[in-house]
Amino acid sequence: MSAAQSSEPVSFRAPIELGGKTATGIEVPQEVAAALEVTVAPDFAAALDADADARRHFDAMAYSHRLRRVLSVEDAKTDETRRRRIAKAVATLREGRRP
């Protein structure tokens, strides 16, 4: 019986040492940095830029929280909803509150 037909789970392991070389000779850096950027729509960015406190709080938020705010605005189906969500986001950010 092959592994694909077996009812037992199949697992693979690949040990990695940070800051050194693996058994395969691949060098691994001590720290791996990942730049996570959120693209903010121009109308939302303009609203944030118009309110220094809102912009400061938005920029200090974690990537996932910034993404949540941006997606909320981008997912609006109408312009009215979009404007309302931008206004609400700026107001809550100005106060330093999370959604």
C-alpha atoms as a PDB file:
ATOM      1  CA  MET A   1       0.000   0.000   0.000  1.00  0.00           C
ATOM      2  CA  SER A   2       1.457   3.402  -0.956  1.00  0.00           C
ATOM      3  CA  ALA A   3       1.634   6.447   1.332  1.00  0.00           C
ATOM      4  CA  ALA A   4      -1.182   8.103  -0.639  1.00  0.00           C
ATOM      5  CA  GLN A   5      -3.471   5.147   0.085  1.00  0.00           C
ATOM      6  CA  SER A   6      -2.384   4.724   3.695  1.00  0.00           C
ATOM      7  CA  SER A   7      -4.729   5.850   6.467  1.00  0.00           C
ATOM      8  CA  GLU A   8      -1.791   6.961   8.600  1.00  0.00           C
ATOM      9  CA  PRO A   9      -0.767  10.628   8.484  1.00  0.00           C
ATOM     10  CA  VAL A  10       2.411  11.521   6.671  1.00  0.00           C
ATOM     11  CA  SER A  11       4.625  14.240   8.107  1.00  0.00           C
ATOM     12  CA  PHE A  12       7.762  15.918   6.884  1.00  0.00           C
ATOM     13  CA  ARG A  13      10.326  17.665   9.025  1.00  0.00           C
ATOM     14  CA  ALA A  14      12.931  20.209   8.024  1.00  0.00           C
ATOM     15  CA  PRO A  15      15.018  21.451  10.923  1.00  0.00           C
ATOM     16  CA  ILE A  16      16.266  25.026  10.577  1.00  0.00           C
ATOM     17  CA  GLU A  17      18.877  26.746  12.693  1.00  0.00           C
ATOM     18  CA  LEU A  18      18.594  30.515  12.822  1.00  0.00           C
ATOM     19  CA  GLY A  19      21.814  32.366  12.232  1.00  0.00           C
ATOM     20  CA  GLY A  20      23.681  29.411  10.817  1.00  0.00           C
ATOM     21  CA  LYS A  21      23.539  26.756   8.150  1.00  0.00           C
ATOM     22  CA  THR A  22      21.108  23.917   7.873  1.00  0.00           C
ATOM     23  CA  ALA A  23      22.167  20.382   7.129  1.00  0.00           C
ATOM     24  CA  THR A  24      21.691  21.187   3.442  1.00  0.00           C
ATOM     25  CA  GLY A  25      24.140  24.092   3.658  1.00  0.00           C
ATOM     26  CA  ILE A  26      21.541  26.825   3.197  1.00  0.00           C
ATOM     27  CA  GLU A  27      22.386  29.948   5.186  1.00  0.00           C
ATOM     28  CA  VAL A  28      19.541  31.259   7.328  1.00  0.00           C
ATOM     29  CA  PRO A  29      19.663  34.826   8.680  1.00  0.00           C
ATOM     30  CA  GLN A  30      19.273  35.415  12.407  1.00  0.00           C
ATOM     31  CA  GLU A  31      16.243  37.625  11.876  1.00  0.00           C
ATOM     32  CA  VAL A  32      13.808  37.512   9.048  1.00  0.00           C
ATOM     33  CA  ALA A  33      12.075  40.845   8.521  1.00  0.00           C
ATOM     34  CA  ALA A  34       8.820  41.090   6.667  1.00  0.00           C
ATOM     35  CA  ALA A  35       7.477  44.435   5.539  1.00  0.00           C
ATOM     36  CA  LEU A  36       3.714  44.363   5.637  1.00  0.00           C
ATOM     37  CA  GLU A  37       2.224  47.384   3.956  1.00  0.00           C
ATOM     38  CA  VAL A  38      -1.394  48.382   3.597  1.00  0.00           C
ATOM     39  CA  THR A  39      -2.398  50.399   0.538  1.00  0.00           C
ATOM     40  CA  VAL A  40      -4.812  53.114   1.627  1.00  0.00           C
ATOM     41  CA  ALA A  41      -7.281  54.483  -0.939  1.00  0.00           C
ATOM     42  CA  PRO A  42      -6.749  58.182  -1.810  1.00  0.00           C
ATOM     43  CA  ASP A  43     -10.018  59.381  -0.241  1.00  0.00           C
ATOM     44  CA  PHE A  44      -9.338  57.525   3.025  1.00  0.00           C
ATOM     45  CA  ALA A  45      -5.714  58.735   3.039  1.00  0.00           C
ATOM     46  CA  ALA A  46      -6.867  62.333   2.520  1.00  0.00           C
ATOM     47  CA  ALA A  47      -9.278  62.037   5.460  1.00  0.00           C
ATOM     48  CA  LEU A  48      -6.498  60.631   7.650  1.00  0.00           C
ATOM     49  CA  ASP A  49      -4.068  63.341   6.544  1.00  0.00           C
ATOM     50  CA  ALA A  50      -6.633  66.004   7.455  1.00  0.00           C
ATOM     51  CA  ASP A  51      -6.674  64.783  11.074  1.00  0.00           C
ATOM     52  CA  ALA A  52      -3.238  64.454  12.659  1.00  0.00           C
ATOM     53  CA  ASP A  53      -4.458  62.411  15.652  1.00  0.00           C
ATOM     54  CA  ALA A  54      -6.319  59.952  13.443  1.00  0.00           C
ATOM     55  CA  ARG A  55      -3.274  59.545  11.179  1.00  0.00           C
ATOM     56  CA  ARG A  56      -0.956  59.048  14.166  1.00  0.00           C
ATOM     57  CA  HIS A  57      -3.203  56.355  15.649  1.00  0.00           C
ATOM     58  CA  PHE A  58      -3.690  54.655  12.273  1.00  0.00           C
ATOM     59  CA  ASP A  59       0.064  54.522  11.616  1.00  0.00           C
ATOM     60  CA  ALA A  60       0.700  53.087  15.104  1.00  0.00           C
ATOM     61  CA  MET A  61      -1.767  50.236  14.640  1.00  0.00           C
ATOM     62  CA  ALA A  62      -0.693  46.698  13.840  1.00  0.00           C
ATOM     63  CA  TYR A  63      -0.860  45.590  10.215  1.00  0.00           C
ATOM     64  CA  SER A  64      -3.976  43.490  10.775  1.00  0.00           C
ATOM     65  CA  HIS A  65      -5.868  46.381  12.386  1.00  0.00           C
ATOM     66  CA  ARG A  66      -4.898  48.794   9.595  1.00  0.00           C
ATOM     67  CA  LEU A  67      -5.942  46.214   7.010  1.00  0.00           C
ATOM     68  CA  ARG A  68      -9.295  45.756   8.742  1.00  0.00           C
ATOM     69  CA  ARG A  69      -9.973  49.506   8.541  1.00  0.00           C
ATOM     70  CA  VAL A  70      -8.961  49.720   4.883  1.00  0.00           C
ATOM     71  CA  LEU A  71     -11.000  46.683   3.859  1.00  0.00           C
ATOM     72  CA  SER A  72     -14.055  48.061   5.633  1.00  0.00           C
ATOM     73  CA  VAL A  73     -13.844  51.186   3.476  1.00  0.00           C
ATOM     74  CA  GLU A  74     -13.035  49.314   0.268  1.00  0.00           C
ATOM     75  CA  ASP A  75     -15.875  46.815   0.725  1.00  0.00           C
ATOM     76  CA  ALA A  76     -18.532  49.553   0.746  1.00  0.00           C
ATOM     77  CA  LYS A  77     -21.000  49.041  -2.074  1.00  0.00           C
ATOM     78  CA  THR A  78     -22.117  52.686  -2.404  1.00  0.00           C
ATOM     79  CA  ASP A  79     -20.320  56.030  -2.219  1.00  0.00           C
ATOM     80  CA  GLU A  80     -22.543  57.057   0.689  1.00  0.00           C
ATOM     81  CA  THR A  81     -21.553  53.975   2.687  1.00  0.00           C
ATOM     82  CA  ARG A  82     -17.907  54.563   1.827  1.00  0.00           C
ATOM     83  CA  ARG A  83     -18.037  58.182   3.058  1.00  0.00           C
ATOM     84  CA  ARG A  84     -19.843  57.121   6.232  1.00  0.00           C
ATOM     85  CA  ARG A  85     -17.256  54.403   6.970  1.00  0.00           C
ATOM     86  CA  ILE A  86     -14.365  56.806   6.373  1.00  0.00           C
ATOM     87  CA  ALA A  87     -15.950  59.367   8.721  1.00  0.00           C
ATOM     88  CA  LYS A  88     -16.531  56.711  11.394  1.00  0.00           C
ATOM     89  CA  ALA A  89     -12.991  55.344  11.066  1.00  0.00           C
ATOM     90  CA  VAL A  90     -11.452  58.824  11.374  1.00  0.00           C
ATOM     91  CA  ALA A  91     -13.638  59.653  14.400  1.00  0.00           C
ATOM     92  CA  THR A  92     -12.731  56.454  16.265  1.00  0.00           C
ATOM     93  CA  LEU A  93      -9.062  56.774  15.331  1.00  0.00           C
ATOM     94  CA  ARG A  94      -9.002  60.390  16.544  1.00  0.00           C
ATOM     95  CA  GLU A  95     -10.127  59.114  19.949  1.00  0.00           C
ATOM     96  CA  GLY A  96      -7.576  56.301  19.841  1.00  0.00           C
ATOM     97  CA  ARG A  97     -10.266  53.611  19.908  1.00  0.00           C
ATOM     98  CA  ARG A  98     -10.127  50.346  18.037  1.00  0.00           C
ATOM     99  CA  PRO A  99     -13.061  49.192  15.917  1.00  0.00           C
END
